[in-house]
Amino acid sequence: MGWDGMRLFLLDLEFNKQLLFIISAISAHLREREREREREMVAGTLEVTLVEARSLKNMDFIVKMNPYVVIQYGNQKHTSTIAKGQGTKPVWNEKFKFDAEYPDGEGHKYMLLFRIMDTQKLLDHDVFVGESKMYVKDVIASGIEKGKAELGVAKYRVVLQDKTYAGEISVALAFTLNS
């Protein structure tokens, strides 16, 4: 191979190196964009159906309790109606909607907190009956993948202030991806 042939070979080699560099840079850029797309927030609606509670600890000794539930998801709160005179076996059958994002980066936002309270006419404040926690990350992730996910009525134990259990609360969930 003569000098001209060697020069053409080196130029061709340099061109191939530059071409590989460009392809590698484009590939890295595309991978990064894909990772960004995966990290983007996806929003939807989490619908909570508060069905009923059973065997709650009785906080009223003279009359039947008038319980209600405060449902919290992240910084969003909804309050059920008061189940007047229903005592330790209240029935609500109410639906509540919460805005939900995935991924949110904060694990606590994937927790639904149900605080059961009893209205007190004689006291100047309502009385804490118990609470239940429900983690919903899997339902939301499934809903993002499929467009919608549902969890039928399920029972969750009610935790009292002294960390013992008394009763259960029944709820159902549905997550729908925003279009």
C-alpha atoms as a PDB file:
ATOM      1  CA  MET A   1       0.000   0.000   0.000  1.00  0.00           C
ATOM      2  CA  GLY A   2       1.377   3.357  -1.000  1.00  0.00           C
ATOM      3  CA  TRP A   3       1.370   6.623   0.881  1.00  0.00           C
ATOM      4  CA  ASP A   4      -1.922   7.740  -0.742  1.00  0.00           C
ATOM      5  CA  GLY A   5      -3.586   4.432   0.161  1.00  0.00           C
ATOM      6  CA  MET A   6      -2.389   4.725   3.752  1.00  0.00           C
ATOM      7  CA  ARG A   7      -3.703   8.282   3.963  1.00  0.00           C
ATOM      8  CA  LEU A   8      -7.121   7.187   2.643  1.00  0.00           C
ATOM      9  CA  PHE A   9      -7.165   4.309   5.125  1.00  0.00           C
ATOM     10  CA  LEU A  10      -6.385   6.680   8.054  1.00  0.00           C
ATOM     11  CA  LEU A  11      -9.008   9.185   6.883  1.00  0.00           C
ATOM     12  CA  ASP A  12     -11.550   6.358   6.626  1.00  0.00           C
ATOM     13  CA  LEU A  13     -10.589   5.152  10.121  1.00  0.00           C
ATOM     14  CA  GLU A  14     -10.952   8.693  11.547  1.00  0.00           C
ATOM     15  CA  PHE A  15     -14.334   9.090   9.834  1.00  0.00           C
ATOM     16  CA  ASN A  16     -15.524   5.766  11.324  1.00  0.00           C
ATOM     17  CA  LYS A  17     -14.378   6.842  14.789  1.00  0.00           C
ATOM     18  CA  GLN A  18     -16.329  10.096  14.487  1.00  0.00           C
ATOM     19  CA  LEU A  19     -19.349   8.244  13.167  1.00  0.00           C
ATOM     20  CA  LEU A  20     -19.213   5.810  16.109  1.00  0.00           C
ATOM     21  CA  PHE A  21     -18.903   8.743  18.514  1.00  0.00           C
ATOM     22  CA  ILE A  22     -21.983  10.406  17.006  1.00  0.00           C
ATOM     23  CA  ILE A  23     -23.996   7.171  17.103  1.00  0.00           C
ATOM     24  CA  SER A  24     -22.947   6.582  20.706  1.00  0.00           C
ATOM     25  CA  ALA A  25     -23.946  10.141  21.694  1.00  0.00           C
ATOM     26  CA  ILE A  26     -27.347   9.804  19.996  1.00  0.00           C
ATOM     27  CA  SER A  27     -27.916   6.450  21.681  1.00  0.00           C
ATOM     28  CA  ALA A  28     -27.007   7.878  25.112  1.00  0.00           C
ATOM     29  CA  HIS A  29     -29.341  10.827  24.511  1.00  0.00           C
ATOM     30  CA  LEU A  30     -32.215   8.498  23.559  1.00  0.00           C
ATOM     31  CA  ARG A  31     -31.645   6.350  26.662  1.00  0.00           C
ATOM     32  CA  GLU A  32     -31.670   9.456  28.862  1.00  0.00           C
ATOM     33  CA  ARG A  33     -34.918  10.685  27.266  1.00  0.00           C
ATOM     34  CA  GLU A  34     -36.475   7.276  27.901  1.00  0.00           C
ATOM     35  CA  ARG A  35     -35.421   7.430  31.576  1.00  0.00           C
ATOM     36  CA  GLU A  36     -36.889  10.936  31.842  1.00  0.00           C
ATOM     37  CA  ARG A  37     -40.153   9.714  30.330  1.00  0.00           C
ATOM     38  CA  GLU A  38     -40.276   6.920  32.911  1.00  0.00           C
ATOM     39  CA  ARG A  39     -39.687   9.434  35.711  1.00  0.00           C
ATOM     40  CA  GLU A  40     -42.426  11.792  34.525  1.00  0.00           C
ATOM     41  CA  MET A  41     -45.416  12.073  36.764  1.00  0.00           C
ATOM     42  CA  VAL A  42     -48.477  10.253  35.563  1.00  0.00           C
ATOM     43  CA  ALA A  43     -51.733  11.473  37.064  1.00  0.00           C
ATOM     44  CA  GLY A  44     -55.029   9.817  37.737  1.00  0.00           C
ATOM     45  CA  THR A  45     -57.966   9.650  40.105  1.00  0.00           C
ATOM     46  CA  LEU A  46     -58.081   7.416  43.140  1.00  0.00           C
ATOM     47  CA  GLU A  47     -61.697   6.680  44.061  1.00  0.00           C
ATOM     48  CA  VAL A  48     -62.279   5.387  47.572  1.00  0.00           C
ATOM     49  CA  THR A  49     -65.567   3.766  48.503  1.00  0.00           C
ATOM     50  CA  LEU A  50     -66.150   3.852  52.246  1.00  0.00           C
ATOM     51  CA  VAL A  51     -68.591   1.001  52.836  1.00  0.00           C
ATOM     52  CA  GLU A  52     -68.997   0.308  56.555  1.00  0.00           C
ATOM     53  CA  ALA A  53     -67.346  -0.500  59.867  1.00  0.00           C
ATOM     54  CA  ARG A  54     -68.059  -3.335  62.291  1.00  0.00           C
ATOM     55  CA  SER A  55     -67.305  -4.074  65.952  1.00  0.00           C
ATOM     56  CA  LEU A  56     -65.896  -0.619  66.697  1.00  0.00           C
ATOM     57  CA  LYS A  57     -65.031   0.236  70.286  1.00  0.00           C
ATOM     58  CA  ASN A  58     -68.030   1.988  71.812  1.00  0.00           C
ATOM     59  CA  MET A  59     -67.043   5.508  72.851  1.00  0.00           C
ATOM     60  CA  ASP A  60     -70.545   6.444  74.107  1.00  0.00           C
ATOM     61  CA  PHE A  61     -71.911   4.593  77.091  1.00  0.00           C
ATOM     62  CA  ILE A  62     -75.374   6.142  77.335  1.00  0.00           C
ATOM     63  CA  VAL A  63     -76.426   6.541  73.676  1.00  0.00           C
ATOM     64  CA  LYS A  64     -75.253   5.022  70.403  1.00  0.00           C
ATOM     65  CA  MET A  65     -72.162   6.511  68.753  1.00  0.00           C
ATOM     66  CA  ASN A  66     -72.436   8.891  65.809  1.00  0.00           C
ATOM     67  CA  PRO A  67     -69.279   7.943  63.897  1.00  0.00           C
ATOM     68  CA  TYR A  68     -67.756   9.540  60.824  1.00  0.00           C
ATOM     69  CA  VAL A  69     -64.479   9.014  58.976  1.00  0.00           C
ATOM     70  CA  VAL A  70     -61.793  11.466  57.914  1.00  0.00           C
ATOM     71  CA  ILE A  71     -59.959  10.022  54.919  1.00  0.00           C
ATOM     72  CA  GLN A  72     -56.531  11.433  54.126  1.00  0.00           C
ATOM     73  CA  TYR A  73     -54.309  10.828  51.110  1.00  0.00           C
ATOM     74  CA  GLY A  74     -51.147  12.948  51.171  1.00  0.00           C
ATOM     75  CA  ASN A  75     -52.327  16.479  51.881  1.00  0.00           C
ATOM     76  CA  GLN A  76     -55.885  15.843  50.608  1.00  0.00           C
ATOM     77  CA  LYS A  77     -58.722  15.155  53.068  1.00  0.00           C
ATOM     78  CA  HIS A  78     -62.368  14.183  52.789  1.00  0.00           C
ATOM     79  CA  THR A  79     -64.884  13.653  55.582  1.00  0.00           C
ATOM     80  CA  SER A  80     -67.774  11.211  55.444  1.00  0.00           C
ATOM     81  CA  THR A  81     -71.259  11.978  56.637  1.00  0.00           C
ATOM     82  CA  ILE A  82     -72.081  11.234  60.258  1.00  0.00           C
ATOM     83  CA  ALA A  83     -73.699   7.818  60.699  1.00  0.00           C
ATOM     84  CA  LYS A  84     -76.186   9.108  63.286  1.00  0.00           C
ATOM     85  CA  GLY A  85     -77.181   6.600  65.914  1.00  0.00           C
ATOM     86  CA  GLN A  86     -75.507   3.676  64.103  1.00  0.00           C
ATOM     87  CA  GLY A  87     -73.183   2.942  67.016  1.00  0.00           C
ATOM     88  CA  THR A  88     -70.467   0.336  66.522  1.00  0.00           C
ATOM     89  CA  LYS A  89     -71.834  -0.860  63.130  1.00  0.00           C
ATOM     90  CA  PRO A  90     -72.046   2.251  60.921  1.00  0.00           C
ATOM     91  CA  VAL A  91     -72.795   2.083  57.203  1.00  0.00           C
ATOM     92  CA  TRP A  92     -71.790   4.893  54.844  1.00  0.00           C
ATOM     93  CA  ASN A  93     -71.564   3.634  51.227  1.00  0.00           C
ATOM     94  CA  GLU A  94     -69.932   6.897  50.137  1.00  0.00           C
ATOM     95  CA  LYS A  95     -67.380   7.595  47.388  1.00  0.00           C
ATOM     96  CA  PHE A  96     -64.495  10.047  47.583  1.00  0.00           C
ATOM     97  CA  LYS A  97     -62.053  11.093  44.867  1.00  0.00           C
ATOM     98  CA  PHE A  98     -58.397  11.965  45.334  1.00  0.00           C
ATOM     99  CA  ASP A  99     -55.842  13.206  42.812  1.00  0.00           C
ATOM    100  CA  ALA A 100     -52.985  10.720  42.584  1.00  0.00           C
ATOM    101  CA  GLU A 101     -49.614  10.856  40.817  1.00  0.00           C
ATOM    102  CA  TYR A 102     -47.096   8.146  40.083  1.00  0.00           C
ATOM    103  CA  PRO A 103     -44.282   8.050  40.856  1.00  0.00           C
ATOM    104  CA  ASP A 104     -44.501  10.676  43.590  1.00  0.00           C
ATOM    105  CA  GLY A 105     -41.124  10.082  45.225  1.00  0.00           C
ATOM    106  CA  GLU A 106     -42.706  10.161  48.691  1.00  0.00           C
ATOM    107  CA  GLY A 107     -43.885   6.820  50.061  1.00  0.00           C
ATOM    108  CA  HIS A 108     -46.296   8.389  52.537  1.00  0.00           C
ATOM    109  CA  LYS A 109     -48.404   9.740  49.697  1.00  0.00           C
ATOM    110  CA  TYR A 110     -49.299   6.188  48.755  1.00  0.00           C
ATOM    111  CA  MET A 111     -51.001   5.700  52.104  1.00  0.00           C
ATOM    112  CA  LEU A 112     -54.685   6.215  52.755  1.00  0.00           C
ATOM    113  CA  LEU A 113     -55.433   7.006  56.377  1.00  0.00           C
ATOM    114  CA  PHE A 114     -58.936   6.402  57.733  1.00  0.00           C
ATOM    115  CA  ARG A 115     -59.507   8.166  61.079  1.00  0.00           C
ATOM    116  CA  ILE A 116     -62.789   7.115  62.669  1.00  0.00           C
ATOM    117  CA  MET A 117     -64.267   9.770  64.942  1.00  0.00           C
ATOM    118  CA  ASP A 118     -67.355  10.000  67.153  1.00  0.00           C
ATOM    119  CA  THR A 119     -69.310  13.244  67.344  1.00  0.00           C
ATOM    120  CA  GLN A 120     -69.849  14.398  70.906  1.00  0.00           C
ATOM    121  CA  LYS A 121     -72.620  16.862  71.727  1.00  0.00           C
ATOM    122  CA  LEU A 122     -71.661  17.150  75.396  1.00  0.00           C
ATOM    123  CA  LEU A 123     -67.953  17.711  74.796  1.00  0.00           C
ATOM    124  CA  ASP A 124     -66.479  20.584  72.817  1.00  0.00           C
ATOM    125  CA  HIS A 125     -64.559  18.171  70.596  1.00  0.00           C
ATOM    126  CA  ASP A 126     -65.099  14.876  68.784  1.00  0.00           C
ATOM    127  CA  VAL A 127     -63.544  11.689  70.130  1.00  0.00           C
ATOM    128  CA  PHE A 128     -61.005   9.514  68.300  1.00  0.00           C
ATOM    129  CA  VAL A 129     -62.341   5.967  67.896  1.00  0.00           C
ATOM    130  CA  GLY A 130     -59.535   4.387  65.878  1.00  0.00           C
ATOM    131  CA  GLU A 131     -57.725   4.417  62.561  1.00  0.00           C
ATOM    132  CA  SER A 132     -56.734   2.187  59.717  1.00  0.00           C
ATOM    133  CA  LYS A 133     -54.031   2.572  57.080  1.00  0.00           C
ATOM    134  CA  MET A 134     -54.090   1.271  53.546  1.00  0.00           C
ATOM    135  CA  TYR A 135     -51.154   1.342  51.146  1.00  0.00           C
ATOM    136  CA  VAL A 136     -52.256   1.903  47.550  1.00  0.00           C
ATOM    137  CA  LYS A 137     -49.029   2.044  45.525  1.00  0.00           C
ATOM    138  CA  ASP A 138     -49.661  -1.311  43.817  1.00  0.00           C
ATOM    139  CA  VAL A 139     -53.214  -0.346  42.816  1.00  0.00           C
ATOM    140  CA  ILE A 140     -51.980   2.936  41.321  1.00  0.00           C
ATOM    141  CA  ALA A 141     -49.056   1.277  39.509  1.00  0.00           C
ATOM    142  CA  SER A 142     -51.397  -1.349  38.060  1.00  0.00           C
ATOM    143  CA  GLY A 143     -53.849   1.355  36.996  1.00  0.00           C
ATOM    144  CA  ILE A 144     -51.097   3.244  35.215  1.00  0.00           C
ATOM    145  CA  GLU A 145     -50.093   0.112  33.351  1.00  0.00           C
ATOM    146  CA  LYS A 146     -53.647  -0.952  32.404  1.00  0.00           C
ATOM    147  CA  GLY A 147     -55.502   2.390  32.402  1.00  0.00           C
ATOM    148  CA  LYS A 148     -57.673   1.330  35.348  1.00  0.00           C
ATOM    149  CA  ALA A 149     -57.310  -0.893  38.401  1.00  0.00           C
ATOM    150  CA  GLU A 150     -59.829  -1.871  41.037  1.00  0.00           C
ATOM    151  CA  LEU A 151     -59.632  -3.447  44.440  1.00  0.00           C
ATOM    152  CA  GLY A 152     -62.969  -4.845  45.607  1.00  0.00           C
ATOM    153  CA  VAL A 153     -64.352  -4.377  49.087  1.00  0.00           C
ATOM    154  CA  ALA A 154     -61.791  -5.424  51.671  1.00  0.00           C
ATOM    155  CA  LYS A 155     -61.729  -5.259  55.465  1.00  0.00           C
ATOM    156  CA  TYR A 156     -58.972  -3.514  57.410  1.00  0.00           C
ATOM    157  CA  ARG A 157     -58.402  -3.703  61.149  1.00  0.00           C
ATOM    158  CA  VAL A 158     -59.042  -0.601  63.224  1.00  0.00           C
ATOM    159  CA  VAL A 159     -56.170   0.394  65.508  1.00  0.00           C
ATOM    160  CA  LEU A 160     -57.089   2.103  68.796  1.00  0.00           C
ATOM    161  CA  GLN A 161     -55.117   4.841  70.499  1.00  0.00           C
ATOM    162  CA  ASP A 162     -53.392   2.268  72.742  1.00  0.00           C
ATOM    163  CA  LYS A 163     -52.284   0.359  69.566  1.00  0.00           C
ATOM    164  CA  THR A 164     -54.661  -2.562  70.183  1.00  0.00           C
ATOM    165  CA  TYR A 165     -57.288  -3.609  67.645  1.00  0.00           C
ATOM    166  CA  ALA A 166     -61.057  -3.282  67.825  1.00  0.00           C
ATOM    167  CA  GLY A 167     -63.248  -3.697  64.791  1.00  0.00           C
ATOM    168  CA  GLU A 168     -62.738  -3.359  61.088  1.00  0.00           C
ATOM    169  CA  ILE A 169     -63.510  -0.925  58.320  1.00  0.00           C
ATOM    170  CA  SER A 170     -64.567  -2.002  54.812  1.00  0.00           C
ATOM    171  CA  VAL A 171     -63.430  -0.036  51.775  1.00  0.00           C
ATOM    172  CA  ALA A 172     -63.005  -0.485  48.017  1.00  0.00           C
ATOM    173  CA  LEU A 173     -60.616   1.299  45.639  1.00  0.00           C
ATOM    174  CA  ALA A 174     -60.399   2.188  41.978  1.00  0.00           C
ATOM    175  CA  PHE A 175     -57.630   4.075  40.183  1.00  0.00           C
ATOM    176  CA  THR A 176     -58.275   5.550  36.745  1.00  0.00           C
ATOM    177  CA  LEU A 177     -55.532   7.058  34.613  1.00  0.00           C
ATOM    178  CA  ASN A 178     -56.192  10.589  33.381  1.00  0.00           C
ATOM    179  CA  SER A 179     -56.406  10.781  29.604  1.00  0.00           C
END
